[in-house]
PDB file of N, CA and C in Angstrom:
ATOM      1  N   MET A   1      13.521   6.778  -6.903  1.00  0.00           N
ATOM      2  CA  MET A   1      12.739   5.574  -7.110  1.00  0.00           C
ATOM      3  C   MET A   1      11.510   5.922  -7.942  1.00  0.00           C
ATOM      4  N   LYS A   2      11.073   5.000  -8.733  1.00  0.00           N
ATOM      5  CA  LYS A   2       9.920   5.217  -9.594  1.00  0.00           C
ATOM      6  C   LYS A   2       8.634   5.338  -8.785  1.00  0.00           C
ATOM      7  N   GLU A   3       7.574   5.672  -9.462  1.00  0.00           N
ATOM      8  CA  GLU A   3       6.262   5.783  -8.825  1.00  0.00           C
ATOM      9  C   GLU A   3       5.766   4.403  -8.385  1.00  0.00           C
ATOM     10  N   PHE A   4       5.097   4.370  -7.259  1.00  0.00           N
ATOM     11  CA  PHE A   4       4.466   3.163  -6.724  1.00  0.00           C
ATOM     12  C   PHE A   4       3.119   3.003  -7.427  1.00  0.00           C
ATOM     13  N   THR A   5       2.952   1.907  -8.167  1.00  0.00           N
ATOM     14  CA  THR A   5       1.771   1.710  -9.005  1.00  0.00           C
ATOM     15  C   THR A   5       0.829   0.663  -8.427  1.00  0.00           C
ATOM     16  N   ILE A   6      -0.323   0.550  -9.051  1.00  0.00           N
ATOM     17  CA  ILE A   6      -1.287  -0.464  -8.636  1.00  0.00           C
ATOM     18  C   ILE A   6      -0.705  -1.869  -8.835  1.00  0.00           C
ATOM     19  N   ASP A   7       0.113  -2.054  -9.862  1.00  0.00           N
ATOM     20  CA  ASP A   7       0.763  -3.355 -10.060  1.00  0.00           C
ATOM     21  C   ASP A   7       1.730  -3.656  -8.920  1.00  0.00           C
ATOM     22  N   ASP A   8       2.465  -2.645  -8.475  1.00  0.00           N
ATOM     23  CA  ASP A   8       3.369  -2.825  -7.332  1.00  0.00           C
ATOM     24  C   ASP A   8       2.577  -3.191  -6.081  1.00  0.00           C
ATOM     25  N   LEU A   9       1.446  -2.519  -5.885  1.00  0.00           N
ATOM     26  CA  LEU A   9       0.600  -2.815  -4.730  1.00  0.00           C
ATOM     27  C   LEU A   9       0.080  -4.243  -4.803  1.00  0.00           C
ATOM     28  N   ASN A  10      -0.365  -4.659  -5.976  1.00  0.00           N
ATOM     29  CA  ASN A  10      -0.850  -6.031  -6.140  1.00  0.00           C
ATOM     30  C   ASN A  10       0.246  -7.053  -5.868  1.00  0.00           C
ATOM     31  N   ASP A  11       1.451  -6.771  -6.306  1.00  0.00           N
ATOM     32  CA  ASP A  11       2.573  -7.673  -6.028  1.00  0.00           C
ATOM     33  C   ASP A  11       2.811  -7.789  -4.529  1.00  0.00           C
ATOM     34  N   ALA A  12       2.753  -6.662  -3.822  1.00  0.00           N
ATOM     35  CA  ALA A  12       2.970  -6.669  -2.373  1.00  0.00           C
ATOM     36  C   ALA A  12       1.841  -7.398  -1.655  1.00  0.00           C
ATOM     37  N   ILE A  13       0.601  -7.203  -2.104  1.00  0.00           N
ATOM     38  CA  ILE A  13      -0.531  -7.908  -1.501  1.00  0.00           C
ATOM     39  C   ILE A  13      -0.382  -9.403  -1.723  1.00  0.00           C
ATOM     40  N   SER A  14      -0.041  -9.799  -2.934  1.00  0.00           N
ATOM     41  CA  SER A  14       0.124 -11.220  -3.241  1.00  0.00           C
ATOM     42  C   SER A  14       1.219 -11.855  -2.402  1.00  0.00           C
ATOM     43  N   ALA A  15       2.294 -11.131  -2.190  1.00  0.00           N
ATOM     44  CA  ALA A  15       3.421 -11.667  -1.427  1.00  0.00           C
ATOM     45  C   ALA A  15       3.118 -11.745   0.065  1.00  0.00           C
ATOM     46  N   SER A  16       2.243 -10.869   0.559  1.00  0.00           N
ATOM     47  CA  SER A  16       1.999 -10.841   1.997  1.00  0.00           C
ATOM     48  C   SER A  16       0.655 -11.429   2.394  1.00  0.00           C
ATOM     49  N   HIS A  17      -0.203 -11.729   1.446  1.00  0.00           N
ATOM     50  CA  HIS A  17      -1.542 -12.200   1.801  1.00  0.00           C
ATOM     51  C   HIS A  17      -1.954 -13.381   0.934  1.00  0.00           C
ATOM     52  N   ASP A  18      -2.687 -13.106  -0.108  1.00  0.00           N
ATOM     53  CA  ASP A  18      -3.297 -14.140  -0.932  1.00  0.00           C
ATOM     54  C   ASP A  18      -3.031 -13.812  -2.394  1.00  0.00           C
ATOM     55  N   ALA A  19      -2.409 -14.731  -3.069  1.00  0.00           N
ATOM     56  CA  ALA A  19      -2.070 -14.494  -4.471  1.00  0.00           C
ATOM     57  C   ALA A  19      -3.310 -14.253  -5.329  1.00  0.00           C
ATOM     58  N   GLY A  20      -4.490 -14.634  -4.845  1.00  0.00           N
ATOM     59  CA  GLY A  20      -5.716 -14.437  -5.602  1.00  0.00           C
ATOM     60  C   GLY A  20      -6.329 -13.063  -5.432  1.00  0.00           C
ATOM     61  N   THR A  21      -5.840 -12.292  -4.486  1.00  0.00           N
ATOM     62  CA  THR A  21      -6.378 -10.952  -4.251  1.00  0.00           C
ATOM     63  C   THR A  21      -5.700  -9.970  -5.189  1.00  0.00           C
ATOM     64  N   ARG A  22      -6.481  -9.410  -6.102  1.00  0.00           N
ATOM     65  CA  ARG A  22      -5.968  -8.420  -7.044  1.00  0.00           C
ATOM     66  C   ARG A  22      -6.847  -7.185  -6.976  1.00  0.00           C
ATOM     67  N   VAL A  23      -6.227  -6.034  -6.925  1.00  0.00           N
ATOM     68  CA  VAL A  23      -6.941  -4.767  -6.877  1.00  0.00           C
ATOM     69  C   VAL A  23      -6.969  -4.188  -8.282  1.00  0.00           C
ATOM     70  N   GLY A  24      -8.167  -3.930  -8.772  1.00  0.00           N
ATOM     71  CA  GLY A  24      -8.324  -3.286 -10.065  1.00  0.00           C
ATOM     72  C   GLY A  24      -8.615  -1.808  -9.891  1.00  0.00           C
ATOM     73  N   GLU A  25      -8.560  -1.071 -10.978  1.00  0.00           N
ATOM     74  CA  GLU A  25      -8.834   0.372 -10.930  1.00  0.00           C
ATOM     75  C   GLU A  25     -10.189   0.658 -10.287  1.00  0.00           C
ATOM     76  N   ASP A  26     -11.165  -0.216 -10.527  1.00  0.00           N
ATOM     77  CA  ASP A  26     -12.506  -0.008  -9.991  1.00  0.00           C
ATOM     78  C   ASP A  26     -12.611  -0.326  -8.500  1.00  0.00           C
ATOM     79  N   MET A  27     -11.542  -0.827  -7.904  1.00  0.00           N
ATOM     80  CA  MET A  27     -11.555  -1.228  -6.500  1.00  0.00           C
ATOM     81  C   MET A  27     -10.695  -0.324  -5.620  1.00  0.00           C
ATOM     82  N   LEU A  28     -10.133   0.720  -6.173  1.00  0.00           N
ATOM     83  CA  LEU A  28      -9.187   1.552  -5.437  1.00  0.00           C
ATOM     84  C   LEU A  28      -9.776   2.206  -4.195  1.00  0.00           C
ATOM     85  N   ASP A  29     -11.079   2.454  -4.198  1.00  0.00           N
ATOM     86  CA  ASP A  29     -11.695   3.134  -3.066  1.00  0.00           C
ATOM     87  C   ASP A  29     -12.440   2.193  -2.122  1.00  0.00           C
ATOM     88  N   ARG A  30     -12.326   0.901  -2.359  1.00  0.00           N
ATOM     89  CA  ARG A  30     -12.946  -0.069  -1.451  1.00  0.00           C
ATOM     90  C   ARG A  30     -12.001  -0.328  -0.288  1.00  0.00           C
ATOM     91  N   PRO A  31     -12.531  -0.404   0.919  1.00  0.00           N
ATOM     92  CA  PRO A  31     -11.667  -0.687   2.074  1.00  0.00           C
ATOM     93  C   PRO A  31     -10.947  -2.025   1.912  1.00  0.00           C
ATOM     94  N   PHE A  32      -9.720  -2.077   2.402  1.00  0.00           N
ATOM     95  CA  PHE A  32      -8.955  -3.320   2.340  1.00  0.00           C
ATOM     96  C   PHE A  32      -9.730  -4.479   2.963  1.00  0.00           C
ATOM     97  N   PHE A  33     -10.485  -4.199   4.030  1.00  0.00           N
ATOM     98  CA  PHE A  33     -11.240  -5.261   4.692  1.00  0.00           C
ATOM     99  C   PHE A  33     -12.270  -5.878   3.754  1.00  0.00           C
ATOM    100  N   GLU A  34     -12.882  -5.065   2.893  1.00  0.00           N
ATOM    101  CA  GLU A  34     -13.829  -5.588   1.906  1.00  0.00           C
ATOM    102  C   GLU A  34     -13.126  -6.431   0.845  1.00  0.00           C
ATOM    103  N   LEU A  35     -11.847  -6.207   0.685  1.00  0.00           N
ATOM    104  CA  LEU A  35     -11.066  -6.959  -0.302  1.00  0.00           C
ATOM    105  C   LEU A  35     -10.469  -8.226   0.297  1.00  0.00           C
ATOM    106  N   GLY A  36     -10.796  -8.485   1.568  1.00  0.00           N
ATOM    107  CA  GLY A  36     -10.353  -9.719   2.204  1.00  0.00           C
ATOM    108  C   GLY A  36      -9.097  -9.604   3.039  1.00  0.00           C
ATOM    109  N   LEU A  37      -8.573  -8.415   3.220  1.00  0.00           N
ATOM    110  CA  LEU A  37      -7.376  -8.245   4.041  1.00  0.00           C
ATOM    111  C   LEU A  37      -7.786  -7.867   5.460  1.00  0.00           C
ATOM    112  N   ASP A  38      -7.365  -8.665   6.427  1.00  0.00           N
ATOM    113  CA  ASP A  38      -7.653  -8.351   7.824  1.00  0.00           C
ATOM    114  C   ASP A  38      -6.524  -7.491   8.389  1.00  0.00           C
ATOM    115  N   SER A  39      -6.614  -7.173   9.677  1.00  0.00           N
ATOM    116  CA  SER A  39      -5.628  -6.265  10.275  1.00  0.00           C
ATOM    117  C   SER A  39      -4.218  -6.842  10.228  1.00  0.00           C
ATOM    118  N   LEU A  40      -4.075  -8.139  10.411  1.00  0.00           N
ATOM    119  CA  LEU A  40      -2.751  -8.757  10.333  1.00  0.00           C
ATOM    120  C   LEU A  40      -2.187  -8.644   8.917  1.00  0.00           C
ATOM    121  N   ALA A  41      -3.024  -8.876   7.922  1.00  0.00           N
ATOM    122  CA  ALA A  41      -2.573  -8.757   6.531  1.00  0.00           C
ATOM    123  C   ALA A  41      -2.147  -7.324   6.218  1.00  0.00           C
ATOM    124  N   LEU A  42      -2.834  -6.345   6.801  1.00  0.00           N
ATOM    125  CA  LEU A  42      -2.459  -4.946   6.567  1.00  0.00           C
ATOM    126  C   LEU A  42      -1.119  -4.611   7.204  1.00  0.00           C
ATOM    127  N   VAL A  43      -0.871  -5.160   8.394  1.00  0.00           N
ATOM    128  CA  VAL A  43       0.428  -4.945   9.043  1.00  0.00           C
ATOM    129  C   VAL A  43       1.531  -5.577   8.199  1.00  0.00           C
ATOM    130  N   GLU A  44       1.291  -6.791   7.707  1.00  0.00           N
ATOM    131  CA  GLU A  44       2.282  -7.461   6.860  1.00  0.00           C
ATOM    132  C   GLU A  44       2.502  -6.693   5.558  1.00  0.00           C
ATOM    133  N   LEU A  45       1.433  -6.168   4.990  1.00  0.00           N
ATOM    134  CA  LEU A  45       1.558  -5.366   3.772  1.00  0.00           C
ATOM    135  C   LEU A  45       2.394  -4.120   4.042  1.00  0.00           C
ATOM    136  N   ALA A  46       2.118  -3.447   5.151  1.00  0.00           N
ATOM    137  CA  ALA A  46       2.884  -2.246   5.508  1.00  0.00           C
ATOM    138  C   ALA A  46       4.362  -2.575   5.697  1.00  0.00           C
ATOM    139  N   GLU A  47       4.646  -3.688   6.353  1.00  0.00           N
ATOM    140  CA  GLU A  47       6.044  -4.090   6.554  1.00  0.00           C
ATOM    141  C   GLU A  47       6.730  -4.361   5.225  1.00  0.00           C
ATOM    142  N   ARG A  48       6.020  -5.004   4.325  1.00  0.00           N
ATOM    143  CA  ARG A  48       6.590  -5.303   3.008  1.00  0.00           C
ATOM    144  C   ARG A  48       6.860  -4.010   2.230  1.00  0.00           C
ATOM    145  N   LEU A  49       5.924  -3.071   2.287  1.00  0.00           N
ATOM    146  CA  LEU A  49       6.111  -1.796   1.585  1.00  0.00           C
ATOM    147  C   LEU A  49       7.257  -0.996   2.185  1.00  0.00           C
ATOM    148  N   GLN A  50       7.372  -1.013   3.508  1.00  0.00           N
ATOM    149  CA  GLN A  50       8.482  -0.310   4.162  1.00  0.00           C
ATOM    150  C   GLN A  50       9.822  -0.870   3.703  1.00  0.00           C
ATOM    151  N   ALA A  51       9.915  -2.182   3.639  1.00  0.00           N
ATOM    152  CA  ALA A  51      11.169  -2.821   3.246  1.00  0.00           C
ATOM    153  C   ALA A  51      11.488  -2.571   1.770  1.00  0.00           C
ATOM    154  N   ALA A  52      10.483  -2.668   0.924  1.00  0.00           N
ATOM    155  CA  ALA A  52      10.713  -2.547  -0.515  1.00  0.00           C
ATOM    156  C   ALA A  52      10.936  -1.110  -0.970  1.00  0.00           C
ATOM    157  N   TYR A  53      10.255  -0.165  -0.320  1.00  0.00           N
ATOM    158  CA  TYR A  53      10.294   1.218  -0.792  1.00  0.00           C
ATOM    159  C   TYR A  53      10.982   2.175   0.168  1.00  0.00           C
ATOM    160  N   GLN A  54      11.443   1.659   1.296  1.00  0.00           N
ATOM    161  CA  GLN A  54      12.165   2.483   2.271  1.00  0.00           C
ATOM    162  C   GLN A  54      11.340   3.680   2.733  1.00  0.00           C
ATOM    163  N   VAL A  55      10.034   3.461   2.919  1.00  0.00           N
ATOM    164  CA  VAL A  55       9.158   4.513   3.439  1.00  0.00           C
ATOM    165  C   VAL A  55       8.630   4.072   4.799  1.00  0.00           C
ATOM    166  N   PRO A  56       8.682   4.942   5.790  1.00  0.00           N
ATOM    167  CA  PRO A  56       8.162   4.573   7.102  1.00  0.00           C
ATOM    168  C   PRO A  56       6.632   4.546   7.096  1.00  0.00           C
ATOM    169  N   ILE A  57       6.081   3.477   7.658  1.00  0.00           N
ATOM    170  CA  ILE A  57       4.635   3.380   7.836  1.00  0.00           C
ATOM    171  C   ILE A  57       4.407   2.939   9.280  1.00  0.00           C
ATOM    172  N   PRO A  58       4.360   3.890  10.210  1.00  0.00           N
ATOM    173  CA  PRO A  58       4.151   3.544  11.614  1.00  0.00           C
ATOM    174  C   PRO A  58       2.811   2.836  11.819  1.00  0.00           C
ATOM    175  N   ASP A  59       2.735   2.036  12.876  1.00  0.00           N
ATOM    176  CA  ASP A  59       1.517   1.274  13.148  1.00  0.00           C
ATOM    177  C   ASP A  59       0.277   2.157  13.199  1.00  0.00           C
ATOM    178  N   ASP A  60       0.383   3.333  13.812  1.00  0.00           N
ATOM    179  CA  ASP A  60      -0.792   4.199  13.914  1.00  0.00           C
ATOM    180  C   ASP A  60      -1.211   4.768  12.559  1.00  0.00           C
ATOM    181  N   VAL A  61      -0.308   4.790  11.608  1.00  0.00           N
ATOM    182  CA  VAL A  61      -0.630   5.296  10.273  1.00  0.00           C
ATOM    183  C   VAL A  61      -1.371   4.239   9.457  1.00  0.00           C
ATOM    184  N   ILE A  62      -1.140   2.971   9.760  1.00  0.00           N
ATOM    185  CA  ILE A  62      -1.808   1.894   9.021  1.00  0.00           C
ATOM    186  C   ILE A  62      -3.320   2.090   9.053  1.00  0.00           C
ATOM    187  N   GLU A  63      -3.851   2.524  10.195  1.00  0.00           N
ATOM    188  CA  GLU A  63      -5.290   2.756  10.318  1.00  0.00           C
ATOM    189  C   GLU A  63      -5.760   3.908   9.440  1.00  0.00           C
ATOM    190  N   GLU A  64      -4.853   4.793   9.061  1.00  0.00           N
ATOM    191  CA  GLU A  64      -5.194   5.940   8.223  1.00  0.00           C
ATOM    192  C   GLU A  64      -5.058   5.617   6.732  1.00  0.00           C
ATOM    193  N   ILE A  65      -4.780   4.361   6.421  1.00  0.00           N
ATOM    194  CA  ILE A  65      -4.633   3.914   5.034  1.00  0.00           C
ATOM    195  C   ILE A  65      -5.673   2.812   4.798  1.00  0.00           C
ATOM    196  N   PRO A  66      -6.955   3.187   4.719  1.00  0.00           N
ATOM    197  CA  PRO A  66      -8.010   2.175   4.662  1.00  0.00           C
ATOM    198  C   PRO A  66      -8.266   1.566   3.286  1.00  0.00           C
ATOM    199  N   THR A  67      -7.762   2.208   2.227  1.00  0.00           N
ATOM    200  CA  THR A  67      -8.062   1.733   0.871  1.00  0.00           C
ATOM    201  C   THR A  67      -6.783   1.645   0.039  1.00  0.00           C
ATOM    202  N   PRO A  68      -6.844   0.913  -1.057  1.00  0.00           N
ATOM    203  CA  PRO A  68      -5.689   0.879  -1.952  1.00  0.00           C
ATOM    204  C   PRO A  68      -5.280   2.269  -2.452  1.00  0.00           C
ATOM    205  N   ARG A  69      -6.255   3.138  -2.740  1.00  0.00           N
ATOM    206  CA  ARG A  69      -5.911   4.486  -3.204  1.00  0.00           C
ATOM    207  C   ARG A  69      -5.111   5.228  -2.139  1.00  0.00           C
ATOM    208  N   HIS A  70      -5.525   5.094  -0.877  1.00  0.00           N
ATOM    209  CA  HIS A  70      -4.781   5.731   0.208  1.00  0.00           C
ATOM    210  C   HIS A  70      -3.354   5.183   0.278  1.00  0.00           C
ATOM    211  N   ALA A  71      -3.198   3.882   0.084  1.00  0.00           N
ATOM    212  CA  ALA A  71      -1.861   3.275   0.120  1.00  0.00           C
ATOM    213  C   ALA A  71      -0.993   3.830  -1.004  1.00  0.00           C
ATOM    214  N   LEU A  72      -1.548   3.894  -2.208  1.00  0.00           N
ATOM    215  CA  LEU A  72      -0.799   4.439  -3.342  1.00  0.00           C
ATOM    216  C   LEU A  72      -0.400   5.888  -3.083  1.00  0.00           C
ATOM    217  N   ASP A  73      -1.354   6.686  -2.612  1.00  0.00           N
ATOM    218  CA  ASP A  73      -1.074   8.098  -2.345  1.00  0.00           C
ATOM    219  C   ASP A  73      -0.027   8.264  -1.247  1.00  0.00           C
ATOM    220  N   TYR A  74      -0.147   7.469  -0.186  1.00  0.00           N
ATOM    221  CA  TYR A  74       0.777   7.581   0.943  1.00  0.00           C
ATOM    222  C   TYR A  74       2.205   7.250   0.509  1.00  0.00           C
ATOM    223  N   VAL A  75       2.382   6.107  -0.136  1.00  0.00           N
ATOM    224  CA  VAL A  75       3.729   5.691  -0.540  1.00  0.00           C
ATOM    225  C   VAL A  75       4.298   6.667  -1.566  1.00  0.00           C
ATOM    226  N   ASN A  76       3.496   7.075  -2.543  1.00  0.00           N
ATOM    227  CA  ASN A  76       3.996   8.011  -3.556  1.00  0.00           C
ATOM    228  C   ASN A  76       4.349   9.369  -2.964  1.00  0.00           C
ATOM    229  N   ALA A  77       3.594   9.829  -1.974  1.00  0.00           N
ATOM    230  CA  ALA A  77       3.931  11.100  -1.319  1.00  0.00           C
ATOM    231  C   ALA A  77       5.264  10.987  -0.597  1.00  0.00           C
ATOM    232  N   ARG A  78       5.517   9.859   0.058  1.00  0.00           N
ATOM    233  CA  ARG A  78       6.791   9.669   0.765  1.00  0.00           C
ATOM    234  C   ARG A  78       7.944   9.551  -0.225  1.00  0.00           C
ATOM    235  N   LEU A  79       7.714   8.857  -1.331  1.00  0.00           N
ATOM    236  CA  LEU A  79       8.761   8.742  -2.352  1.00  0.00           C
ATOM    237  C   LEU A  79       9.078  10.113  -2.950  1.00  0.00           C
ATOM    238  N   ALA A  80       8.048  10.909  -3.202  1.00  0.00           N
ATOM    239  CA  ALA A  80       8.259  12.256  -3.747  1.00  0.00           C
ATOM    240  C   ALA A  80       9.018  13.122  -2.750  1.00  0.00           C
ATOM    241  N   ALA A  81       8.678  12.997  -1.471  1.00  0.00           N
ATOM    242  CA  ALA A  81       9.379  13.776  -0.443  1.00  0.00           C
ATOM    243  C   ALA A  81      10.854  13.390  -0.394  1.00  0.00           C
ATOM    244  N   ASP A  82      11.135  12.107  -0.547  1.00  0.00           N
ATOM    245  CA  ASP A  82      12.525  11.646  -0.549  1.00  0.00           C
ATOM    246  C   ASP A  82      13.295  12.189  -1.750  1.00  0.00           C
ATOM    247  N   ARG A  83      12.583  12.394  -2.863  1.00  0.00           N
ATOM    248  CA  ARG A  83      13.217  12.953  -4.063  1.00  0.00           C
ATOM    249  C   ARG A  83      13.290  14.468  -3.996  1.00  0.00           C
ATOM    250  N   GLY A  84      12.610  15.045  -2.999  1.00  0.00           N
ATOM    251  CA  GLY A  84      12.606  16.496  -2.876  1.00  0.00           C
ATOM    252  C   GLY A  84      11.588  17.170  -3.755  1.00  0.00           C
ATOM    253  N   THR A  85      10.561  16.408  -4.171  1.00  0.00           N
ATOM    254  CA  THR A  85       9.492  16.972  -4.990  1.00  0.00           C
ATOM    255  C   THR A  85       8.173  16.766  -4.272  1.00  0.00           C
ATOM    256  N   THR A  86       7.132  17.359  -4.800  1.00  0.00           N
ATOM    257  CA  THR A  86       5.800  17.154  -4.249  1.00  0.00           C
ATOM    258  C   THR A  86       4.973  16.377  -5.241  1.00  0.00           C
ATOM    259  N   SER A  87       3.990  15.629  -4.698  1.00  0.00           N
ATOM    260  CA  SER A  87       3.125  14.863  -5.608  1.00  0.00           C
ATOM    261  C   SER A  87       1.758  15.468  -5.699  1.00  0.00           C
TER     262      SER A  87
END
């Protein structure tokens, strides 16, 4: 599977939360809560990413993914592991 990009993340956020919420490069390190996503929206986002990318995101791990950059890194690391490579 290809790399998980900021555009992919924005698509998942739009589908699970608010179509008006867009993450730009300058927002990658801002907490999701500052971007308007509450805990329910984060759970829905995690479920959407699990379904779309076939990567496990256990509930306890969601708390360890506080920013968009963490989400990108987490999903890409799992995708790389599935391919047998490191990121």
